[in-house]
Each structure stands twice: as structure tokens, then as C-alpha cells.
Amino acid sequence: MNTSVMLVMITAAAMIFLPIVYAAVIWFGGYRKPLCSVPEFMMLALSEAAICRIGVCIYGQGHVAFMDLMLVLMVYGMSVFCMIDYWERIVPNKILLLWLMLWIICIGIYGVYDMNAMLAHMLGVVLGLIFCMLSFGFCYVISRGSMGAGDVKLAVIMGIYMTGEYVVGAVLYGCIFSAVFSLFMLAAKKVTRKTHIPFVPFLYMGVIVRCFMGLA
């Protein structure tokens, strides 16, 4: 099979499976009936577009790199975490654990396939992990409870999936979206300084924007 055709098929498959995986996790997690609200469809449309953008970058590379797979899986995960936090104001540990186990399996398979490449990739993982632990850990301490522990745990997952190469931009854009939204809502007197606004949807937007920016 022609390589270009295969890469297009891989991208198409990733886009097709996104709503299926999303609906399955939401359904079996017992949160709400999936695919029944406008915010969900808007979120999935953005996620599909981000995966398509990653696919365009893969097509330009001429092959699928391990980092490409990690970014797609992070888009899958952030789609789930975004809606659950939007609905329930929580980041569930069981789904965080699921994504952590998925990363361990993927990195293990990558190590069997190419140990040297996996070890080189781990440098970026460590940098991403350190950045997220320090930045979110600091924010958690000074926020005095305004930032949930679930946000910190999710940041750690983002760090190991996206590595230091991509997670810094994703977090930065997420914080900018959060700040702009909060200032607008305060100015409109829709919220007060004590109102709890879910942060994961903004992190989700940061991940999407970073994916739209393309791969290094």
C-alpha cells in the first residue's frame, strides 16, 4: 500500500474512533449519557480538527512518530476530562489511572521496538513532568484550595504524554484562555472572586491550540 494512502487512513481512523472512545469512557464511567449536548459536539469537532492537523503534520513527515501517537492519545484523554470537569467539577482518578496505564503500555512497547529512541524520548518526558509538577504544585499551594488536586494530577499526565516540547505551550495557552474568560466574567458580574470555574476545559483548549500549531 502506498505510504501516503496509509497515513491518510491512519488519520481517518484516529478521527473515527475519537467519538467512540469518548462515548465509551463517559458511558462506562457512569457520568452522563454521552453525545447528547451541544458542548460535547463542539468539543468533539475541535478535537477532530486537532487530530486532522496532527495528521497533516504526519503526512508531511512521511511517517508516524511515537510523539504523534502520544499527542493523539492526549487529545482523546483531554476530550473526556474536559467534559467531566465541565459537568461535575472533578477530574476522576480512575480515568487518570487509565491514561497513566495506557502511557506505560505504549512506552513499554516503544522500548521493546527501539530502546535507544525510547530513552531519548524519556528526556522530554522528564522535562515535561518536572515543569508540570513544579508549576501546578506551586499554584496548588498558593491557591489555598482554589485549584483542585485533580488538576495537578492531570497536569502530570499531560507532562508525560506531551513532554517538555509541547506541554509548556499547552499550559501557557490554557492559562491565557482561563485568565481572559475569568476577567470577562468578572467584568460582566457573572461570577465573583470566590466562584469556582473548572480549569480543565481551558487546559483542553491549550492542548488543542498547541496541536493546531503543528509538530516540531
C-alpha atoms as a PDB file:
ATOM      1  CA  MET A   1       0.000   0.000   0.000  1.00  0.00           C
ATOM      2  CA  ASN A   2       1.189   3.498  -0.834  1.00  0.00           C
ATOM      3  CA  THR A   3       2.657   5.246   2.243  1.00  0.00           C
ATOM      4  CA  SER A   4       0.641   8.423   1.680  1.00  0.00           C
ATOM      5  CA  VAL A   5      -2.607   6.475   1.478  1.00  0.00           C
ATOM      6  CA  MET A   6      -1.716   4.568   4.647  1.00  0.00           C
ATOM      7  CA  LEU A   7      -1.021   7.805   6.566  1.00  0.00           C
ATOM      8  CA  VAL A   8      -4.351   9.263   5.444  1.00  0.00           C
ATOM      9  CA  MET A   9      -6.114   6.080   6.567  1.00  0.00           C
ATOM     10  CA  ILE A  10      -4.397   6.202   9.969  1.00  0.00           C
ATOM     11  CA  THR A  11      -5.512   9.808  10.472  1.00  0.00           C
ATOM     12  CA  ALA A  12      -9.055   8.967   9.375  1.00  0.00           C
ATOM     13  CA  ALA A  13      -9.153   6.016  11.785  1.00  0.00           C
ATOM     14  CA  ALA A  14      -7.980   8.234  14.673  1.00  0.00           C
ATOM     15  CA  MET A  15     -10.777  10.708  13.891  1.00  0.00           C
ATOM     16  CA  ILE A  16     -13.422   7.990  13.559  1.00  0.00           C
ATOM     17  CA  PHE A  17     -12.508   6.314  16.847  1.00  0.00           C
ATOM     18  CA  LEU A  18     -12.457   9.547  18.873  1.00  0.00           C
ATOM     19  CA  PRO A  19     -16.250   9.826  19.477  1.00  0.00           C
ATOM     20  CA  ILE A  20     -16.442   6.055  20.027  1.00  0.00           C
ATOM     21  CA  VAL A  21     -13.731   6.071  22.709  1.00  0.00           C
ATOM     22  CA  TYR A  22     -15.142   9.241  24.257  1.00  0.00           C
ATOM     23  CA  ALA A  23     -18.669   7.834  24.457  1.00  0.00           C
ATOM     24  CA  ALA A  24     -17.415   4.512  25.865  1.00  0.00           C
ATOM     25  CA  VAL A  25     -15.400   6.140  28.659  1.00  0.00           C
ATOM     26  CA  ILE A  26     -18.229   8.509  29.609  1.00  0.00           C
ATOM     27  CA  TRP A  27     -20.852   5.737  29.456  1.00  0.00           C
ATOM     28  CA  PHE A  28     -18.936   3.092  31.404  1.00  0.00           C
ATOM     29  CA  GLY A  29     -17.694   5.717  33.850  1.00  0.00           C
ATOM     30  CA  GLY A  30     -21.322   6.315  34.772  1.00  0.00           C
ATOM     31  CA  TYR A  31     -21.269  10.092  34.359  1.00  0.00           C
ATOM     32  CA  ARG A  32     -23.940  11.068  31.841  1.00  0.00           C
ATOM     33  CA  LYS A  33     -25.448   9.778  28.659  1.00  0.00           C
ATOM     34  CA  PRO A  34     -22.820  10.720  26.065  1.00  0.00           C
ATOM     35  CA  LEU A  35     -23.264  12.603  22.807  1.00  0.00           C
ATOM     36  CA  CYS A  36     -26.436  14.361  23.921  1.00  0.00           C
ATOM     37  CA  SER A  37     -25.384  18.002  24.326  1.00  0.00           C
ATOM     38  CA  VAL A  38     -24.175  20.876  22.177  1.00  0.00           C
ATOM     39  CA  PRO A  39     -20.966  21.436  24.235  1.00  0.00           C
ATOM     40  CA  GLU A  40     -19.970  17.816  23.593  1.00  0.00           C
ATOM     41  CA  PHE A  41     -20.362  18.148  19.832  1.00  0.00           C
ATOM     42  CA  MET A  42     -18.473  21.443  19.829  1.00  0.00           C
ATOM     43  CA  MET A  43     -15.666  19.858  21.844  1.00  0.00           C
ATOM     44  CA  LEU A  44     -15.519  16.794  19.596  1.00  0.00           C
ATOM     45  CA  ALA A  45     -15.428  18.997  16.494  1.00  0.00           C
ATOM     46  CA  LEU A  46     -12.396  20.833  17.890  1.00  0.00           C
ATOM     47  CA  SER A  47     -10.733  17.554  18.842  1.00  0.00           C
ATOM     48  CA  GLU A  48     -11.343  16.112  15.385  1.00  0.00           C
ATOM     49  CA  ALA A  49      -9.831  19.230  13.829  1.00  0.00           C
ATOM     50  CA  ALA A  50      -6.772  18.945  16.098  1.00  0.00           C
ATOM     51  CA  ILE A  51      -6.277  15.289  15.125  1.00  0.00           C
ATOM     52  CA  CYS A  52      -6.662  16.249  11.475  1.00  0.00           C
ATOM     53  CA  ARG A  53      -3.953  18.880  11.969  1.00  0.00           C
ATOM     54  CA  ILE A  54      -1.666  16.279  13.536  1.00  0.00           C
ATOM     55  CA  GLY A  55      -2.436  14.056  10.533  1.00  0.00           C
ATOM     56  CA  VAL A  56      -1.370  16.815   8.144  1.00  0.00           C
ATOM     57  CA  CYS A  57       1.938  17.080  10.004  1.00  0.00           C
ATOM     58  CA  ILE A  58       2.365  13.298   9.878  1.00  0.00           C
ATOM     59  CA  TYR A  59       1.705  13.372   6.140  1.00  0.00           C
ATOM     60  CA  GLY A  60       4.431  15.993   5.778  1.00  0.00           C
ATOM     61  CA  GLN A  61       6.854  13.853   7.811  1.00  0.00           C
ATOM     62  CA  GLY A  62       6.096  10.813   5.708  1.00  0.00           C
ATOM     63  CA  HIS A  63       5.817   8.527   8.732  1.00  0.00           C
ATOM     64  CA  VAL A  64       4.104   8.190  12.107  1.00  0.00           C
ATOM     65  CA  ALA A  65       6.377   9.063  15.030  1.00  0.00           C
ATOM     66  CA  PHE A  66       5.806   7.929  18.609  1.00  0.00           C
ATOM     67  CA  MET A  67       5.207  11.546  19.668  1.00  0.00           C
ATOM     68  CA  ASP A  68       2.364  11.772  17.140  1.00  0.00           C
ATOM     69  CA  LEU A  69       0.627   8.841  18.821  1.00  0.00           C
ATOM     70  CA  MET A  70       1.097  10.407  22.257  1.00  0.00           C
ATOM     71  CA  LEU A  71      -0.444  13.694  21.139  1.00  0.00           C
ATOM     72  CA  VAL A  72      -3.455  11.941  19.630  1.00  0.00           C
ATOM     73  CA  LEU A  73      -3.983   9.940  22.827  1.00  0.00           C
ATOM     74  CA  MET A  74      -3.709  13.156  24.852  1.00  0.00           C
ATOM     75  CA  VAL A  75      -6.395  14.769  22.683  1.00  0.00           C
ATOM     76  CA  TYR A  76      -8.575  11.714  23.351  1.00  0.00           C
ATOM     77  CA  GLY A  77      -7.968  11.992  27.081  1.00  0.00           C
ATOM     78  CA  MET A  78      -8.436  15.746  27.291  1.00  0.00           C
ATOM     79  CA  SER A  79     -11.758  15.428  25.450  1.00  0.00           C
ATOM     80  CA  VAL A  80     -13.003  13.153  28.232  1.00  0.00           C
ATOM     81  CA  PHE A  81     -11.524  15.166  31.105  1.00  0.00           C
ATOM     82  CA  CYS A  82     -12.835  18.426  29.652  1.00  0.00           C
ATOM     83  CA  MET A  83     -16.480  17.371  29.669  1.00  0.00           C
ATOM     84  CA  ILE A  84     -16.374  15.618  33.039  1.00  0.00           C
ATOM     85  CA  ASP A  85     -14.834  18.661  34.703  1.00  0.00           C
ATOM     86  CA  TYR A  86     -17.315  20.913  32.898  1.00  0.00           C
ATOM     87  CA  TRP A  87     -20.235  18.810  34.206  1.00  0.00           C
ATOM     88  CA  GLU A  88     -19.071  17.568  37.590  1.00  0.00           C
ATOM     89  CA  ARG A  89     -16.184  19.864  38.603  1.00  0.00           C
ATOM     90  CA  ILE A  90     -13.956  16.814  39.135  1.00  0.00           C
ATOM     91  CA  VAL A  91     -11.039  15.063  37.448  1.00  0.00           C
ATOM     92  CA  PRO A  92     -11.719  11.367  38.178  1.00  0.00           C
ATOM     93  CA  ASN A  93      -8.808   9.338  39.493  1.00  0.00           C
ATOM     94  CA  LYS A  94      -9.943   6.148  37.760  1.00  0.00           C
ATOM     95  CA  ILE A  95      -9.698   7.761  34.311  1.00  0.00           C
ATOM     96  CA  LEU A  96      -6.383   9.415  35.196  1.00  0.00           C
ATOM     97  CA  LEU A  97      -5.122   5.968  36.186  1.00  0.00           C
ATOM     98  CA  LEU A  98      -6.438   4.519  32.930  1.00  0.00           C
ATOM     99  CA  TRP A  99      -4.494   7.079  30.893  1.00  0.00           C
ATOM    100  CA  LEU A 100      -1.387   6.523  33.021  1.00  0.00           C
ATOM    101  CA  MET A 101      -1.568   2.768  32.416  1.00  0.00           C
ATOM    102  CA  LEU A 102      -2.067   3.402  28.706  1.00  0.00           C
ATOM    103  CA  TRP A 103       1.079   5.542  28.648  1.00  0.00           C
ATOM    104  CA  ILE A 104       3.070   2.856  30.479  1.00  0.00           C
ATOM    105  CA  ILE A 105       1.948   0.230  27.961  1.00  0.00           C
ATOM    106  CA  CYS A 106       2.817   2.462  24.990  1.00  0.00           C
ATOM    107  CA  ILE A 107       6.238   3.436  26.352  1.00  0.00           C
ATOM    108  CA  GLY A 108       6.951  -0.218  27.142  1.00  0.00           C
ATOM    109  CA  ILE A 109       6.109  -1.324  23.613  1.00  0.00           C
ATOM    110  CA  TYR A 110       8.202   1.552  22.231  1.00  0.00           C
ATOM    111  CA  GLY A 111      11.127   0.423  24.372  1.00  0.00           C
ATOM    112  CA  VAL A 112      10.892  -3.116  23.013  1.00  0.00           C
ATOM    113  CA  TYR A 113      10.745  -1.758  19.459  1.00  0.00           C
ATOM    114  CA  ASP A 114      13.600   0.761  19.820  1.00  0.00           C
ATOM    115  CA  MET A 115      15.218   1.121  23.242  1.00  0.00           C
ATOM    116  CA  ASN A 116      17.559   3.957  22.234  1.00  0.00           C
ATOM    117  CA  ALA A 117      14.732   6.039  20.779  1.00  0.00           C
ATOM    118  CA  MET A 118      12.598   5.391  23.859  1.00  0.00           C
ATOM    119  CA  LEU A 119      15.398   6.535  26.186  1.00  0.00           C
ATOM    120  CA  ALA A 120      15.849   9.694  24.110  1.00  0.00           C
ATOM    121  CA  HIS A 121      12.099  10.315  24.318  1.00  0.00           C
ATOM    122  CA  MET A 122      12.204   9.915  28.106  1.00  0.00           C
ATOM    123  CA  LEU A 123      14.317  13.047  28.432  1.00  0.00           C
ATOM    124  CA  GLY A 124      11.403  15.105  27.129  1.00  0.00           C
ATOM    125  CA  VAL A 125       9.055  13.175  29.420  1.00  0.00           C
ATOM    126  CA  VAL A 126      11.148  14.045  32.472  1.00  0.00           C
ATOM    127  CA  LEU A 127      11.290  17.725  31.482  1.00  0.00           C
ATOM    128  CA  GLY A 128       7.530  17.829  30.926  1.00  0.00           C
ATOM    129  CA  LEU A 129       6.920  16.083  34.236  1.00  0.00           C
ATOM    130  CA  ILE A 130       9.188  18.459  36.166  1.00  0.00           C
ATOM    131  CA  PHE A 131       7.611  21.537  34.566  1.00  0.00           C
ATOM    132  CA  CYS A 132       4.065  20.427  35.344  1.00  0.00           C
ATOM    133  CA  MET A 133       4.833  19.253  38.872  1.00  0.00           C
ATOM    134  CA  LEU A 134       6.608  22.486  39.789  1.00  0.00           C
ATOM    135  CA  SER A 135       4.208  24.924  38.121  1.00  0.00           C
ATOM    136  CA  PHE A 136       0.957  23.247  39.133  1.00  0.00           C
ATOM    137  CA  GLY A 137       2.270  22.223  42.523  1.00  0.00           C
ATOM    138  CA  PHE A 138       3.180  25.842  43.235  1.00  0.00           C
ATOM    139  CA  CYS A 139      -0.217  27.068  42.032  1.00  0.00           C
ATOM    140  CA  TYR A 140      -1.953  24.449  44.162  1.00  0.00           C
ATOM    141  CA  VAL A 141      -0.147  25.632  47.275  1.00  0.00           C
ATOM    142  CA  ILE A 142      -0.707  29.370  46.780  1.00  0.00           C
ATOM    143  CA  SER A 143      -4.303  28.948  45.578  1.00  0.00           C
ATOM    144  CA  ARG A 144      -5.306  27.577  49.009  1.00  0.00           C
ATOM    145  CA  GLY A 145      -7.744  25.079  47.576  1.00  0.00           C
ATOM    146  CA  SER A 146      -8.956  27.060  44.559  1.00  0.00           C
ATOM    147  CA  MET A 147      -7.057  24.676  42.298  1.00  0.00           C
ATOM    148  CA  GLY A 148      -8.071  21.072  42.824  1.00  0.00           C
ATOM    149  CA  ALA A 149      -5.658  18.193  43.309  1.00  0.00           C
ATOM    150  CA  GLY A 150      -7.198  16.621  40.213  1.00  0.00           C
ATOM    151  CA  ASP A 151      -5.890  19.490  38.088  1.00  0.00           C
ATOM    152  CA  VAL A 152      -2.369  18.817  39.375  1.00  0.00           C
ATOM    153  CA  LYS A 153      -2.662  15.088  38.636  1.00  0.00           C
ATOM    154  CA  LEU A 154      -3.954  15.805  35.142  1.00  0.00           C
ATOM    155  CA  ALA A 155      -1.044  18.185  34.569  1.00  0.00           C
ATOM    156  CA  VAL A 156       1.335  15.336  35.412  1.00  0.00           C
ATOM    157  CA  ILE A 157      -0.386  13.148  32.802  1.00  0.00           C
ATOM    158  CA  MET A 158      -0.103  15.996  30.290  1.00  0.00           C
ATOM    159  CA  GLY A 159       3.589  16.323  31.080  1.00  0.00           C
ATOM    160  CA  ILE A 160       4.448  12.702  30.399  1.00  0.00           C
ATOM    161  CA  TYR A 161       2.318  12.488  27.262  1.00  0.00           C
ATOM    162  CA  MET A 162       3.216  15.817  25.661  1.00  0.00           C
ATOM    163  CA  THR A 163       6.799  16.099  27.019  1.00  0.00           C
ATOM    164  CA  GLY A 164       8.513  19.398  27.711  1.00  0.00           C
ATOM    165  CA  GLU A 165       8.494  20.147  23.986  1.00  0.00           C
ATOM    166  CA  TYR A 166       4.717  20.579  23.771  1.00  0.00           C
ATOM    167  CA  VAL A 167       3.257  20.822  27.266  1.00  0.00           C
ATOM    168  CA  VAL A 168       4.699  24.256  28.099  1.00  0.00           C
ATOM    169  CA  GLY A 169       2.814  25.862  25.222  1.00  0.00           C
ATOM    170  CA  ALA A 170      -0.375  23.943  26.016  1.00  0.00           C
ATOM    171  CA  VAL A 171      -0.334  25.073  29.655  1.00  0.00           C
ATOM    172  CA  LEU A 172       0.526  28.659  28.707  1.00  0.00           C
ATOM    173  CA  TYR A 173      -2.351  28.935  26.241  1.00  0.00           C
ATOM    174  CA  GLY A 174      -4.694  27.274  28.722  1.00  0.00           C
ATOM    175  CA  CYS A 175      -3.793  29.834  31.391  1.00  0.00           C
ATOM    176  CA  ILE A 176      -4.313  32.691  28.935  1.00  0.00           C
ATOM    177  CA  PHE A 177      -7.772  31.387  27.998  1.00  0.00           C
ATOM    178  CA  SER A 178      -8.622  30.979  31.679  1.00  0.00           C
ATOM    179  CA  ALA A 179      -7.451  34.483  32.585  1.00  0.00           C
ATOM    180  CA  VAL A 180      -9.312  36.162  29.708  1.00  0.00           C
ATOM    181  CA  PHE A 181     -12.519  34.255  30.451  1.00  0.00           C
ATOM    182  CA  SER A 182     -12.337  34.980  34.178  1.00  0.00           C
ATOM    183  CA  LEU A 183     -11.718  38.692  33.640  1.00  0.00           C
ATOM    184  CA  PHE A 184     -14.608  38.899  31.186  1.00  0.00           C
ATOM    185  CA  MET A 185     -16.986  37.114  33.558  1.00  0.00           C
ATOM    186  CA  LEU A 186     -15.896  39.292  36.490  1.00  0.00           C
ATOM    187  CA  ALA A 187     -16.377  42.440  34.426  1.00  0.00           C
ATOM    188  CA  ALA A 188     -19.834  41.244  33.406  1.00  0.00           C
ATOM    189  CA  LYS A 189     -20.557  40.399  37.060  1.00  0.00           C
ATOM    190  CA  LYS A 190     -21.491  36.830  36.110  1.00  0.00           C
ATOM    191  CA  VAL A 191     -19.139  35.431  38.739  1.00  0.00           C
ATOM    192  CA  THR A 192     -17.338  36.584  41.864  1.00  0.00           C
ATOM    193  CA  ARG A 193     -13.768  36.037  43.004  1.00  0.00           C
ATOM    194  CA  LYS A 194     -14.999  33.092  45.089  1.00  0.00           C
ATOM    195  CA  THR A 195     -16.787  31.366  42.201  1.00  0.00           C
ATOM    196  CA  HIS A 196     -15.159  28.055  41.246  1.00  0.00           C
ATOM    197  CA  ILE A 197     -14.554  27.889  37.486  1.00  0.00           C
ATOM    198  CA  PRO A 198     -13.459  24.493  36.099  1.00  0.00           C
ATOM    199  CA  PHE A 199      -9.893  24.737  34.805  1.00  0.00           C
ATOM    200  CA  VAL A 200      -9.645  21.575  32.686  1.00  0.00           C
ATOM    201  CA  PRO A 201     -11.695  22.977  29.753  1.00  0.00           C
ATOM    202  CA  PHE A 202      -9.089  25.742  29.462  1.00  0.00           C
ATOM    203  CA  LEU A 203      -6.244  23.213  29.582  1.00  0.00           C
ATOM    204  CA  TYR A 204      -8.119  21.317  26.884  1.00  0.00           C
ATOM    205  CA  MET A 205      -8.201  24.463  24.747  1.00  0.00           C
ATOM    206  CA  GLY A 206      -4.481  24.926  25.356  1.00  0.00           C
ATOM    207  CA  VAL A 207      -3.792  21.388  24.096  1.00  0.00           C
ATOM    208  CA  ILE A 208      -5.950  21.977  21.014  1.00  0.00           C
ATOM    209  CA  VAL A 209      -4.218  25.246  20.171  1.00  0.00           C
ATOM    210  CA  ARG A 210      -0.808  23.611  20.608  1.00  0.00           C
ATOM    211  CA  CYS A 211      -1.824  20.829  18.237  1.00  0.00           C
ATOM    212  CA  PHE A 212      -3.014  23.374  15.665  1.00  0.00           C
ATOM    213  CA  MET A 213       0.422  24.951  15.795  1.00  0.00           C
ATOM    214  CA  GLY A 214       1.833  21.739  14.333  1.00  0.00           C
ATOM    215  CA  LEU A 215       4.614  19.364  15.262  1.00  0.00           C
ATOM    216  CA  ALA A 216       8.264  20.285  15.665  1.00  0.00           C
END
